[in-house]
Amino acid sequence: MHFFPKTAFCLLFALSSVPIAASATDKPKLILQITVDQLRGDMPTRHLDQLGEGGFRYLLEEGIHYNNAHHTHANTETIVGHTTLATGANPAAHGMVGNLWYDRSAGRTVYNIEDPDYSILTGGADVDDATEIDPTQRAATSDGRSPRTILTSTFGDELAVNTAGGAKVFGVSIKDRGAVAMAGHAGKAFWFSKAVGEFVTSNYYYEAYPEWVDAWNDKGLPQSFSDHLWELLNPIDSYLFGTRDDQDWEPDFAGFGRTFPHPLGTTEDKYFTTLLTLSPFGDRMTADFAKTLIAEEGLGDDDVTDFLGVSFSVTDYVGHFFGPSSLEAEDNLLQLDRTLADLFAYVDAKVGLEHTLIVLSSDHGAPEAPGYLASIGMPGSYVSPDEWNTAPAAEKIKGRFNIQGQLFEGYDHPYLTLAADIRDNPDIDRVALETAIAEELVAFEGVAYAIPSSRLREGSVPDNALMHAVLNNYHRDRSGDIYVVFEPETFINDMDGLSVTVTHGSPWRYDTFVPILFAGQGIEPQTVSRRVHTIDVALTLSVVAGTRPPSGATGEVLLEVLGQ
């Protein structure tokens, strides 16, 4: 006799009690999933009175606004959140535990979607040579990209399965990982290469570019922003942060400046494409490519539901450099609002919003800049793990366990990994060693918790929400040996040598808090304040489209989207 785990039974019961669309006429022609990178849940409503018509206001006033939505995993980074939204699973199942993780079999840190078997089609977009404002990609030893490291199916995958491959499934973003996660295994992904100034893909998806992609790149929209200035959309006295003086906690990256207008430079400048993606022009470019894709690939042209995932990345880049409570972040949000309004109007003209289901969320939220917090009398600080390997505490532990050489292989947020010689030494009690390290780490300034993976493997952790989130982030083969949680509003401000103002990636509520908004086909406006989760999105889309759930999905169906 076979028995279902209680959680699996509850999920099956929940699904059996929800009516699935019975015919093609009940289903949307297009599902448009928008992910705004680093859009904390309060940000759209904080600036509601400044928003225009047709963008965020359309979603907030004519859609369903879940205003108490959170990620349920602890490492709130880009690939983790995107994959969770796409799969309805936590990283414990989908495997994307961080933007980077230490690969024990390879003996090095790897980038989440790197794949040497599938290279960039142009042959010229070498990620290692690109000047990245998101330098986590520099860990990759190959410019190859694919979704093969995603261990569960996505909603888009299940849509393709359900329609015998008839559904058109795409992902688009400035960031490769944003596009790849949304496209899943069965879809096709395009992202912007800063190295060549074009949208690219890998030969996992195509043997050659579709003609329309070549035509879009040939028109040179990114290059048309050469010598442009990022100027304020509205008069400065209309902004919440318009009276703020120049703040010295914001870095002046590549002459971009701390005050408006911000110059992008010219195409001849080393950092031109990087600065392009640090301005609202980057999201405009992404939306233009997405609109062209809708037209050229015929999304929504028939009764088979198609899927397009668009991830807008500029909010994240601006947040890292200026913080979410900055004039730059405020203006960028207002300009993104106009970009969304334009995209929605285009979809309305091509497909009809009455035939389109739109869902908007975010991969993670963000803390505030410590400098900004200090200016209003609140605590916040930066921390560096560089000292851990050489600190007296490390020497103390090495003496206790008779360890020679390095104690740690390194720190890839949020995991500290022991040196290979230690992990391979059968004479060392790993549980005792990990416990001793964790006890020493929490004595360091800025460290709130250090959780040994041996405890996570056994489930031997306190029964509280924070520890559940850490468990949701644990994967046996990819997680490091100690999970580190910094104190609230405390984080590393260095990304591969680039000084930044804000870094996300914690289990604290400012990082887990994101909006979930549904609008379009048959949606009745309402605001829902009960707690919901990002793992609910993919499962809800599966019910709407009549597909089976993604293989690792563990969320709940958002019944309001079904009119219940």
Protein backbone atom coordinates (compact mmCIF):
# COMPACT_ATOMS: atom_id res chain seq x y z
CA MET A 1 0.00 0.00 0.00
CA HIS A 2 1.27 3.48 -0.87
CA PHE A 3 0.67 6.54 1.25
CA PHE A 4 0.83 10.19 0.22
CA PRO A 5 2.67 12.63 2.49
CA LYS A 6 0.22 14.92 4.27
CA THR A 7 1.40 17.98 2.33
CA ALA A 8 1.01 16.22 -0.99
CA PHE A 9 -2.51 15.04 -0.04
CA CYS A 10 -3.51 18.58 0.93
CA LEU A 11 -2.20 19.91 -2.36
CA LEU A 12 -4.09 17.27 -4.36
CA PHE A 13 -7.25 18.00 -2.41
CA ALA A 14 -6.89 21.73 -3.00
CA LEU A 15 -6.42 21.21 -6.71
CA SER A 16 -9.35 18.80 -6.96
CA SER A 17 -11.63 21.38 -5.36
CA VAL A 18 -10.74 24.10 -7.85
CA PRO A 19 -12.59 24.09 -11.20
CA ILE A 20 -10.18 24.04 -14.12
CA ALA A 21 -11.13 25.93 -17.27
CA ALA A 22 -13.17 23.56 -19.40
CA SER A 23 -12.61 24.89 -22.88
CA ALA A 24 -10.31 27.06 -24.96
CA THR A 25 -12.77 29.94 -24.76
CA ASP A 26 -12.33 30.01 -20.96
CA LYS A 27 -8.59 30.43 -21.22
CA PRO A 28 -6.59 33.55 -22.00
CA LYS A 29 -4.93 33.80 -25.39
CA LEU A 30 -1.84 35.24 -23.74
CA ILE A 31 -0.42 35.08 -20.25
CA LEU A 32 1.96 37.98 -19.70
CA GLN A 33 4.10 37.50 -16.60
CA ILE A 34 6.05 40.58 -15.63
CA THR A 35 8.81 40.46 -13.04
CA VAL A 36 10.16 43.81 -11.89
CA ASP A 37 13.56 43.11 -10.40
CA GLN A 38 13.94 44.48 -6.83
CA LEU A 39 10.42 45.91 -6.62
CA ARG A 40 9.66 45.89 -2.90
CA GLY A 41 5.98 45.48 -2.15
CA ASP A 42 5.40 49.01 -0.89
CA MET A 43 7.08 50.84 -3.75
CA PRO A 44 4.19 51.12 -6.27
CA THR A 45 1.67 52.26 -3.65
CA ARG A 46 4.11 54.69 -2.02
CA HIS A 47 4.15 56.64 -5.28
CA LEU A 48 0.56 55.96 -6.35
CA ASP A 49 -0.44 59.63 -6.52
CA GLN A 50 2.43 60.25 -8.98
CA LEU A 51 1.57 57.41 -11.35
CA GLY A 52 -0.11 57.94 -14.69
CA GLU A 53 -2.89 55.94 -16.27
CA GLY A 54 -2.57 52.50 -17.79
CA GLY A 55 0.54 51.17 -16.02
CA PHE A 56 0.82 50.34 -12.33
CA ARG A 57 -2.42 52.22 -11.73
CA TYR A 58 -4.23 49.87 -14.16
CA LEU A 59 -2.95 46.86 -12.22
CA LEU A 60 -3.67 48.37 -8.80
CA GLU A 61 -7.12 49.77 -9.57
CA GLU A 62 -8.50 47.32 -12.14
CA GLY A 63 -6.78 44.16 -10.97
CA ILE A 64 -6.30 42.05 -7.86
CA HIS A 65 -3.65 43.47 -5.57
CA TYR A 66 -2.19 41.05 -3.03
CA ASN A 67 -0.57 43.55 -0.69
CA ASN A 68 0.86 41.05 1.79
CA ALA A 69 2.85 38.78 -0.53
CA HIS A 70 6.20 37.26 0.36
CA HIS A 71 8.83 34.86 -0.83
CA THR A 72 9.17 31.86 1.48
CA HIS A 73 12.88 31.21 0.90
CA ALA A 74 15.74 32.90 2.73
CA ASN A 75 18.19 33.89 -0.02
CA THR A 76 16.29 36.61 -1.83
CA GLU A 77 18.46 36.93 -4.94
CA THR A 78 17.60 37.29 -8.62
CA ILE A 79 17.76 33.73 -9.93
CA VAL A 80 16.18 32.36 -6.77
CA GLY A 81 13.12 34.60 -6.96
CA HIS A 82 12.67 34.35 -10.73
CA THR A 83 12.81 30.56 -10.63
CA THR A 84 10.42 30.42 -7.68
CA LEU A 85 7.89 32.55 -9.56
CA ALA A 86 8.30 30.36 -12.65
CA THR A 87 8.10 26.99 -10.90
CA GLY A 88 5.94 27.51 -7.81
CA ALA A 89 8.71 25.67 -5.94
CA ASN A 90 11.23 26.70 -3.35
CA PRO A 91 14.98 26.44 -4.07
CA ALA A 92 15.10 23.27 -1.99
CA ALA A 93 13.29 21.69 -4.95
CA HIS A 94 14.16 23.82 -7.99
CA GLY A 95 17.82 23.94 -7.00
CA MET A 96 18.63 27.59 -7.68
CA VAL A 97 19.93 28.33 -4.19
CA GLY A 98 21.78 31.52 -5.16
CA ASN A 99 23.16 33.59 -7.98
CA LEU A 100 26.40 31.72 -7.29
CA TRP A 101 27.21 28.51 -5.48
CA TYR A 102 30.30 26.41 -4.87
CA ASP A 103 30.26 23.32 -7.09
CA ARG A 104 32.09 20.63 -5.14
CA SER A 105 32.53 18.33 -8.14
CA ALA A 106 34.01 21.15 -10.25
CA GLY A 107 36.00 22.57 -7.36
CA ARG A 108 34.95 26.15 -8.08
CA THR A 109 32.19 28.71 -7.73
CA VAL A 110 29.69 28.54 -10.59
CA TYR A 111 27.17 30.97 -12.05
CA ASN A 112 23.61 29.74 -11.82
CA ILE A 113 22.75 29.17 -15.51
CA GLU A 114 26.20 28.78 -17.03
CA ASP A 115 26.46 25.85 -19.41
CA PRO A 116 29.56 25.32 -21.57
CA ASP A 117 27.61 22.98 -23.85
CA TYR A 118 25.45 25.83 -25.18
CA SER A 119 27.25 28.95 -26.33
CA ILE A 120 25.94 32.39 -27.28
CA LEU A 121 24.87 32.32 -30.92
CA THR A 122 26.72 35.45 -31.95
CA GLY A 123 30.02 34.04 -30.75
CA GLY A 124 30.89 37.54 -29.62
CA ALA A 125 29.01 37.97 -26.37
CA ASP A 126 31.62 36.72 -23.94
CA VAL A 127 30.25 37.34 -20.46
CA ASP A 128 33.72 37.23 -18.94
CA ASP A 129 34.82 40.16 -21.12
CA ALA A 130 31.68 42.21 -20.60
CA THR A 131 31.63 45.16 -18.24
CA GLU A 132 28.81 44.15 -15.95
CA ILE A 133 26.99 46.21 -13.37
CA ASP A 134 25.85 42.80 -12.15
CA PRO A 135 29.27 41.18 -11.79
CA THR A 136 28.09 37.87 -10.34
CA GLN A 137 28.20 36.71 -13.95
CA ARG A 138 31.98 36.98 -13.94
CA ALA A 139 32.17 33.76 -11.95
CA ALA A 140 31.15 31.85 -15.07
CA THR A 141 33.98 30.23 -17.01
CA SER A 142 31.87 30.00 -20.14
CA ASP A 143 29.52 32.37 -21.94
CA GLY A 144 27.20 29.40 -22.50
CA ARG A 145 23.71 29.59 -21.00
CA SER A 146 20.84 27.14 -20.60
CA PRO A 147 18.08 26.25 -18.11
CA ARG A 148 19.49 22.79 -17.38
CA THR A 149 20.40 23.65 -13.78
CA ILE A 150 16.72 24.31 -12.99
CA LEU A 151 15.68 20.99 -11.46
CA THR A 152 11.87 21.22 -11.72
CA SER A 153 9.45 22.20 -14.45
CA THR A 154 8.13 25.74 -14.88
CA PHE A 155 4.62 26.87 -15.70
CA GLY A 156 5.77 27.54 -19.25
CA ASP A 157 7.09 23.98 -19.50
CA GLU A 158 3.75 22.56 -18.40
CA LEU A 159 1.92 24.82 -20.86
CA ALA A 160 4.07 23.37 -23.66
CA VAL A 161 3.38 19.82 -22.45
CA ASN A 162 -0.36 20.44 -22.20
CA THR A 163 -0.60 21.83 -25.75
CA ALA A 164 1.68 19.27 -27.46
CA GLY A 165 4.16 22.06 -28.03
CA GLY A 166 1.53 24.31 -29.57
CA ALA A 167 1.89 27.08 -26.98
CA LYS A 168 4.50 29.72 -27.74
CA VAL A 169 6.63 30.27 -24.63
CA PHE A 170 9.24 33.04 -24.32
CA GLY A 171 11.32 34.87 -21.73
CA VAL A 172 12.89 38.33 -22.25
CA SER A 173 15.12 40.38 -19.96
CA ILE A 174 18.27 42.44 -19.76
CA LYS A 175 19.58 39.75 -17.40
CA ASP A 176 20.25 36.31 -18.85
CA ARG A 177 19.02 34.56 -15.70
CA GLY A 178 15.78 36.56 -15.70
CA ALA A 179 15.00 35.48 -19.26
CA VAL A 180 16.11 31.86 -18.88
CA ALA A 181 14.12 31.25 -15.68
CA MET A 182 10.93 32.63 -17.24
CA ALA A 183 11.35 30.66 -20.49
CA GLY A 184 11.97 27.40 -18.63
CA HIS A 185 13.20 24.29 -20.41
CA ALA A 186 10.64 24.23 -23.22
CA GLY A 187 10.52 27.95 -24.07
CA LYS A 188 12.97 30.29 -25.73
CA ALA A 189 14.93 33.04 -23.99
CA PHE A 190 16.49 36.32 -25.13
CA TRP A 191 18.62 38.67 -23.03
CA PHE A 192 20.72 41.78 -23.54
CA SER A 193 24.47 41.35 -23.91
CA LYS A 194 26.35 44.39 -22.66
CA ALA A 195 29.43 43.08 -24.49
CA VAL A 196 27.89 43.41 -27.96
CA GLY A 197 24.97 45.78 -27.29
CA GLU A 198 22.37 43.35 -28.67
CA PHE A 199 19.73 40.90 -27.53
CA VAL A 200 21.19 37.43 -27.73
CA THR A 201 20.37 33.80 -27.01
CA SER A 202 22.27 30.51 -26.90
CA ASN A 203 22.22 27.48 -29.15
CA TYR A 204 20.21 25.64 -26.50
CA TYR A 205 17.25 27.51 -27.98
CA TYR A 206 18.11 28.12 -31.65
CA GLU A 207 20.59 27.05 -34.29
CA ALA A 208 20.31 30.49 -35.89
CA TYR A 209 18.58 33.73 -34.97
CA PRO A 210 15.07 34.32 -36.29
CA GLU A 211 15.15 37.03 -38.96
CA TRP A 212 13.13 39.41 -36.80
CA VAL A 213 15.78 39.28 -34.03
CA ASP A 214 18.52 40.17 -36.50
CA ALA A 215 16.33 42.97 -37.82
CA TRP A 216 15.68 44.30 -34.30
CA ASN A 217 19.39 44.30 -33.48
CA ASP A 218 20.23 45.89 -36.83
CA LYS A 219 17.99 48.88 -36.14
CA GLY A 220 20.37 49.82 -33.31
CA LEU A 221 17.93 50.96 -30.62
CA PRO A 222 20.49 50.56 -27.79
CA GLN A 223 23.02 52.60 -29.76
CA SER A 224 20.43 55.31 -30.40
CA PHE A 225 20.70 56.28 -26.72
CA SER A 226 24.32 57.31 -27.25
CA ASP A 227 25.07 60.68 -25.63
CA HIS A 228 21.65 60.71 -23.95
CA LEU A 229 21.00 62.10 -20.49
CA TRP A 230 18.77 60.47 -17.90
CA GLU A 231 16.64 63.47 -16.96
CA LEU A 232 13.75 63.69 -14.53
CA LEU A 233 10.35 62.87 -15.97
CA ASN A 234 8.57 65.55 -13.91
CA PRO A 235 9.43 68.82 -12.11
CA ILE A 236 11.68 68.07 -9.16
CA ASP A 237 9.34 69.62 -6.59
CA SER A 238 6.73 66.94 -7.40
CA TYR A 239 8.96 64.13 -6.10
CA LEU A 240 8.89 62.65 -2.60
CA PHE A 241 12.68 62.68 -2.57
CA GLY A 242 13.03 65.83 -4.65
CA THR A 243 14.23 67.99 -1.76
CA ARG A 244 16.92 65.55 -0.73
CA ASP A 245 20.43 66.95 -0.85
CA ASP A 246 23.20 65.13 -2.68
CA GLN A 247 24.14 62.13 -0.54
CA ASP A 248 27.72 60.97 -0.30
CA TRP A 249 26.69 57.35 0.34
CA GLU A 250 25.76 56.98 -3.34
CA PRO A 251 28.73 55.95 -5.53
CA ASP A 252 29.63 57.97 -8.61
CA PHE A 253 30.05 55.08 -11.02
CA ALA A 254 31.93 55.82 -14.27
CA GLY A 255 31.01 59.50 -14.20
CA PHE A 256 27.28 58.72 -13.96
CA GLY A 257 27.09 61.19 -11.09
CA ARG A 258 25.02 61.61 -7.95
CA THR A 259 22.73 64.33 -9.32
CA PHE A 260 20.47 64.74 -12.32
CA PRO A 261 20.90 64.66 -15.21
CA HIS A 262 22.90 61.43 -15.42
CA PRO A 263 25.00 61.14 -18.62
CA LEU A 264 25.12 57.79 -20.42
CA GLY A 265 28.16 58.71 -22.47
CA THR A 266 28.61 57.50 -26.03
CA THR A 267 28.88 54.12 -27.68
CA GLU A 268 32.65 54.59 -27.69
CA ASP A 269 32.77 54.62 -23.91
CA LYS A 270 33.68 51.43 -22.04
CA TYR A 271 30.68 51.62 -19.75
CA PHE A 272 28.02 52.80 -22.23
CA THR A 273 25.88 49.63 -22.29
CA THR A 274 26.29 49.23 -18.53
CA LEU A 275 25.03 52.77 -17.90
CA LEU A 276 22.25 52.20 -20.42
CA THR A 277 20.94 49.44 -18.15
CA LEU A 278 21.33 51.74 -15.13
CA SER A 279 18.76 54.12 -16.61
CA PRO A 280 15.07 53.92 -17.62
CA PHE A 281 16.20 53.53 -21.24
CA GLY A 282 17.15 49.92 -20.43
CA ASP A 283 13.55 48.99 -19.61
CA ARG A 284 12.24 50.87 -22.66
CA MET A 285 14.60 48.82 -24.79
CA THR A 286 13.41 45.58 -23.16
CA ALA A 287 9.75 46.48 -23.73
CA ASP A 288 10.43 47.36 -27.37
CA PHE A 289 12.04 43.97 -27.94
CA ALA A 290 9.09 42.26 -26.21
CA LYS A 291 6.56 44.09 -28.38
CA THR A 292 8.43 43.04 -31.50
CA LEU A 293 8.45 39.45 -30.28
CA ILE A 294 4.69 39.52 -29.69
CA ALA A 295 4.08 40.69 -33.24
CA GLU A 296 6.65 38.56 -35.06
CA GLU A 297 5.99 35.32 -33.19
CA GLY A 298 2.21 35.80 -33.28
CA LEU A 299 1.61 35.54 -29.56
CA GLY A 300 -2.10 35.47 -28.76
CA ASP A 301 -3.05 34.94 -32.41
CA ASP A 302 -5.07 31.76 -31.83
CA ASP A 303 -6.98 29.87 -29.15
CA VAL A 304 -3.90 28.14 -27.76
CA THR A 305 -2.71 30.04 -24.68
CA ASP A 306 0.76 31.54 -25.19
CA PHE A 307 3.16 32.72 -22.51
CA LEU A 308 5.56 35.66 -22.38
CA GLY A 309 7.68 36.38 -19.33
CA VAL A 310 9.26 39.84 -19.31
CA SER A 311 11.69 40.76 -16.56
CA PHE A 312 12.51 44.45 -16.15
CA SER A 313 15.96 44.81 -14.58
CA VAL A 314 16.63 48.55 -14.21
CA THR A 315 14.88 48.86 -10.84
CA ASP A 316 17.41 46.42 -9.45
CA TYR A 317 20.45 48.21 -10.85
CA VAL A 318 19.19 51.60 -9.66
CA GLY A 319 18.36 50.15 -6.25
CA HIS A 320 21.84 48.72 -5.83
CA PHE A 321 23.56 52.00 -6.62
CA PHE A 322 21.17 54.60 -5.21
CA GLY A 323 18.86 52.71 -2.83
CA PRO A 324 15.06 52.34 -3.03
CA SER A 325 14.48 55.64 -1.20
CA SER A 326 16.29 57.87 -3.65
CA LEU A 327 15.32 60.37 -6.30
CA GLU A 328 16.75 57.99 -8.90
CA ALA A 329 14.65 55.06 -7.74
CA GLU A 330 11.55 57.24 -7.59
CA ASP A 331 11.99 58.65 -11.08
CA ASN A 332 12.88 55.26 -12.50
CA LEU A 333 9.65 53.82 -11.09
CA LEU A 334 7.62 56.61 -12.69
CA GLN A 335 9.36 56.03 -16.01
CA LEU A 336 8.83 52.27 -15.74
CA ASP A 337 5.15 53.06 -15.13
CA ARG A 338 5.04 54.77 -18.54
CA THR A 339 6.87 51.84 -20.13
CA LEU A 340 4.33 49.41 -18.69
CA ALA A 341 1.42 51.57 -19.86
CA ASP A 342 2.85 51.55 -23.38
CA LEU A 343 3.35 47.76 -23.29
CA PHE A 344 -0.18 47.15 -22.01
CA ALA A 345 -1.63 49.41 -24.69
CA TYR A 346 0.27 47.46 -27.32
CA VAL A 347 -0.98 44.13 -25.96
CA ASP A 348 -4.52 45.54 -25.89
CA ALA A 349 -4.26 46.49 -29.56
CA LYS A 350 -2.67 43.21 -30.66
CA VAL A 351 -4.39 40.64 -28.46
CA GLY A 352 -6.90 42.49 -26.31
CA LEU A 353 -6.54 42.85 -22.56
CA GLU A 354 -9.83 40.99 -22.26
CA HIS A 355 -8.00 37.99 -23.76
CA THR A 356 -4.80 38.50 -21.76
CA LEU A 357 -4.02 37.58 -18.17
CA ILE A 358 -1.29 39.80 -16.70
CA VAL A 359 0.54 38.93 -13.51
CA LEU A 360 3.21 41.20 -12.05
CA SER A 361 5.51 40.41 -9.15
CA SER A 362 9.15 40.69 -8.16
CA ASP A 363 12.07 38.38 -7.50
CA HIS A 364 12.86 40.14 -4.20
CA GLY A 365 12.54 43.37 -2.27
CA ALA A 366 15.35 45.50 -0.88
CA PRO A 367 16.73 47.05 2.31
CA GLU A 368 17.36 50.75 2.69
CA ALA A 369 20.79 52.31 2.25
CA PRO A 370 22.55 52.59 5.62
CA GLY A 371 23.41 56.21 4.83
CA TYR A 372 19.74 57.02 4.27
CA LEU A 373 18.74 55.22 7.46
CA ALA A 374 21.39 57.14 9.43
CA SER A 375 19.98 60.40 8.08
CA ILE A 376 16.64 59.68 9.76
CA GLY A 377 18.11 58.19 12.93
CA MET A 378 17.82 54.48 12.14
CA PRO A 379 20.54 51.81 12.31
CA GLY A 380 22.08 50.18 9.26
CA SER A 381 25.57 49.04 8.35
CA TYR A 382 27.81 47.09 6.01
CA VAL A 383 29.64 43.87 6.81
CA SER A 384 32.54 42.01 5.23
CA PRO A 385 33.21 38.26 5.54
CA ASP A 386 36.78 38.68 4.24
CA GLU A 387 38.14 38.65 7.78
CA TRP A 388 36.59 35.33 8.75
CA ASN A 389 39.34 33.14 7.31
CA THR A 390 42.12 34.94 9.21
CA ALA A 391 40.31 35.96 12.38
CA PRO A 392 41.55 34.64 15.76
CA ALA A 393 38.34 32.59 15.97
CA ALA A 394 39.35 30.72 12.80
CA GLU A 395 42.77 29.94 14.23
CA LYS A 396 41.14 28.77 17.45
CA ILE A 397 38.92 26.32 15.54
CA LYS A 398 41.81 25.06 13.41
CA GLY A 399 43.79 24.31 16.56
CA ARG A 400 40.87 22.52 18.19
CA PHE A 401 40.30 20.26 15.15
CA ASN A 402 43.98 19.98 14.14
CA ILE A 403 43.39 21.64 10.77
CA GLN A 404 46.26 22.87 8.61
CA GLY A 405 45.88 25.48 5.86
CA GLN A 406 42.70 27.32 4.92
CA LEU A 407 39.56 26.74 6.95
CA PHE A 408 37.14 28.02 4.29
CA GLU A 409 36.94 27.57 0.55
CA GLY A 410 35.10 30.84 0.38
CA TYR A 411 31.84 32.70 0.91
CA ASP A 412 29.25 32.68 -1.86
CA HIS A 413 26.26 34.46 -0.42
CA PRO A 414 24.68 33.22 1.76
CA TYR A 415 26.79 30.08 2.18
CA LEU A 416 30.19 29.62 3.77
CA THR A 417 31.94 26.55 2.32
CA LEU A 418 34.64 24.59 4.11
CA ALA A 419 37.95 23.95 2.36
CA ALA A 420 38.00 20.78 0.26
CA ASP A 421 40.73 19.16 2.39
CA ILE A 422 38.51 19.49 5.42
CA ARG A 423 35.38 18.18 3.76
CA ASP A 424 37.28 15.17 2.41
CA ASN A 425 38.97 14.34 5.71
CA PRO A 426 37.19 11.39 7.39
CA ASP A 427 38.98 12.07 10.69
CA ILE A 428 37.19 15.38 11.19
CA ASP A 429 33.79 15.35 12.86
CA ARG A 430 31.93 17.57 10.38
CA VAL A 431 28.89 18.08 12.59
CA ALA A 432 31.04 19.20 15.50
CA LEU A 433 33.17 21.41 13.23
CA GLU A 434 30.19 23.12 11.58
CA THR A 435 28.60 23.68 14.99
CA ALA A 436 31.82 25.21 16.38
CA ILE A 437 32.16 27.53 13.38
CA ALA A 438 28.53 28.63 13.68
CA GLU A 439 28.99 29.42 17.37
CA GLU A 440 32.02 31.58 16.60
CA LEU A 441 30.41 33.34 13.62
CA VAL A 442 27.48 34.72 15.59
CA ALA A 443 29.99 36.60 17.75
CA PHE A 444 31.08 38.65 14.72
CA GLU A 445 29.54 42.08 14.35
CA GLY A 446 26.61 42.03 11.96
CA VAL A 447 25.97 38.27 12.04
CA ALA A 448 22.54 37.32 13.40
CA TYR A 449 22.50 33.58 12.73
CA ALA A 450 24.85 30.90 11.42
CA ILE A 451 23.14 27.60 10.69
CA PRO A 452 25.19 24.45 9.99
CA SER A 453 24.05 22.45 6.97
CA SER A 454 24.29 19.32 9.11
CA ARG A 455 21.40 20.75 11.15
CA LEU A 456 19.48 21.59 7.99
CA ARG A 457 19.93 18.06 6.62
CA GLU A 458 18.40 16.68 9.80
CA GLY A 459 15.74 19.37 10.12
CA SER A 460 17.18 20.07 13.56
CA VAL A 461 16.49 23.81 13.71
CA PRO A 462 14.08 25.97 15.74
CA ASP A 463 10.48 25.91 14.55
CA ASN A 464 10.07 29.50 13.38
CA ALA A 465 9.45 31.33 10.11
CA LEU A 466 13.06 32.41 9.60
CA MET A 467 14.41 28.87 9.96
CA HIS A 468 11.69 27.52 7.68
CA ALA A 469 12.86 30.00 5.05
CA VAL A 470 16.46 28.81 5.47
CA LEU A 471 15.30 25.19 5.13
CA ASN A 472 13.38 26.13 1.98
CA ASN A 473 16.69 27.37 0.59
CA TYR A 474 18.66 24.22 1.39
CA HIS A 475 19.68 21.85 -1.39
CA ARG A 476 21.93 18.91 -0.53
CA ASP A 477 24.24 19.21 -3.55
CA ARG A 478 24.42 23.00 -3.94
CA SER A 479 24.20 24.59 -0.52
CA GLY A 480 27.40 25.38 1.35
CA ASP A 481 28.30 24.23 4.85
CA ILE A 482 27.11 27.20 6.94
CA TYR A 483 24.14 29.42 6.12
CA VAL A 484 24.84 32.99 7.32
CA VAL A 485 22.10 35.51 8.13
CA PHE A 486 23.21 39.08 8.76
CA GLU A 487 21.45 41.41 11.16
CA PRO A 488 18.53 43.44 9.74
CA GLU A 489 19.64 46.33 7.50
CA THR A 490 23.18 44.87 7.47
CA PHE A 491 24.71 43.50 4.29
CA ILE A 492 27.77 43.32 2.06
CA ASN A 493 28.20 46.40 -0.15
CA ASP A 494 30.72 44.94 -2.55
CA MET A 495 29.92 43.05 -5.74
CA ASP A 496 33.16 41.70 -7.21
CA GLY A 497 35.01 44.92 -6.53
CA LEU A 498 32.16 47.30 -7.37
CA SER A 499 31.03 49.40 -4.44
CA VAL A 500 27.23 49.53 -4.16
CA THR A 501 24.79 51.19 -1.80
CA VAL A 502 22.28 48.38 -1.24
CA THR A 503 22.42 44.58 -1.48
CA HIS A 504 19.45 42.25 -1.00
CA GLY A 505 19.54 38.54 -0.22
CA SER A 506 18.23 38.17 3.34
CA PRO A 507 15.19 36.48 4.92
CA TRP A 508 14.11 39.76 6.54
CA ARG A 509 10.73 41.07 5.50
CA TYR A 510 12.00 44.02 3.46
CA ASP A 511 13.68 41.48 1.16
CA THR A 512 10.84 38.93 1.00
CA PHE A 513 8.05 41.52 0.56
CA VAL A 514 6.94 41.88 -3.08
CA PRO A 515 3.74 42.81 -4.89
CA ILE A 516 1.55 40.24 -6.59
CA LEU A 517 -0.89 41.81 -9.05
CA PHE A 518 -3.25 40.09 -11.49
CA ALA A 519 -5.22 41.96 -14.15
CA GLY A 520 -6.86 41.41 -17.49
CA GLN A 521 -9.21 38.69 -18.58
CA GLY A 522 -12.24 38.50 -16.31
CA ILE A 523 -10.47 39.94 -13.26
CA GLU A 524 -12.66 41.79 -10.76
CA PRO A 525 -10.80 44.60 -8.92
CA GLN A 526 -10.03 44.00 -5.27
CA THR A 527 -7.31 44.30 -2.67
CA VAL A 528 -6.44 41.18 -0.71
CA SER A 529 -4.50 41.58 2.54
CA ARG A 530 -4.15 38.00 3.74
CA ARG A 531 -0.64 36.64 3.51
CA VAL A 532 0.11 34.92 0.21
CA HIS A 533 3.34 33.69 -1.33
CA THR A 534 5.21 33.81 -4.61
CA ILE A 535 5.03 30.01 -4.83
CA ASP A 536 1.28 30.53 -5.36
CA VAL A 537 1.70 32.26 -8.73
CA ALA A 538 2.72 29.36 -10.97
CA LEU A 539 0.13 27.04 -9.47
CA THR A 540 -2.59 29.63 -10.04
CA LEU A 541 -1.51 30.07 -13.67
CA SER A 542 -1.65 26.29 -14.11
CA VAL A 543 -5.27 26.21 -12.98
CA VAL A 544 -6.15 29.15 -15.23
CA ALA A 545 -4.54 27.49 -18.25
CA GLY A 546 -5.78 23.98 -17.41
CA THR A 547 -2.31 22.44 -17.19
CA ARG A 548 -0.90 20.09 -14.61
CA PRO A 549 1.04 21.87 -11.84
CA PRO A 550 4.80 22.36 -12.23
CA SER A 551 6.58 19.34 -10.80
CA GLY A 552 7.88 20.99 -7.62
CA ALA A 553 5.02 23.42 -6.96
CA THR A 554 3.98 23.64 -3.31
CA GLY A 555 1.88 26.80 -3.16
CA GLU A 556 -1.84 27.46 -2.93
CA VAL A 557 -4.23 28.50 -5.67
CA LEU A 558 -5.15 32.19 -5.45
CA LEU A 559 -8.90 31.71 -5.70
CA GLU A 560 -9.65 35.40 -6.32
CA VAL A 561 -7.99 35.07 -9.73
CA LEU A 562 -10.58 32.41 -10.56
CA GLY A 563 -13.42 34.66 -9.44
CA GLN A 564 -13.98 32.76 -6.20
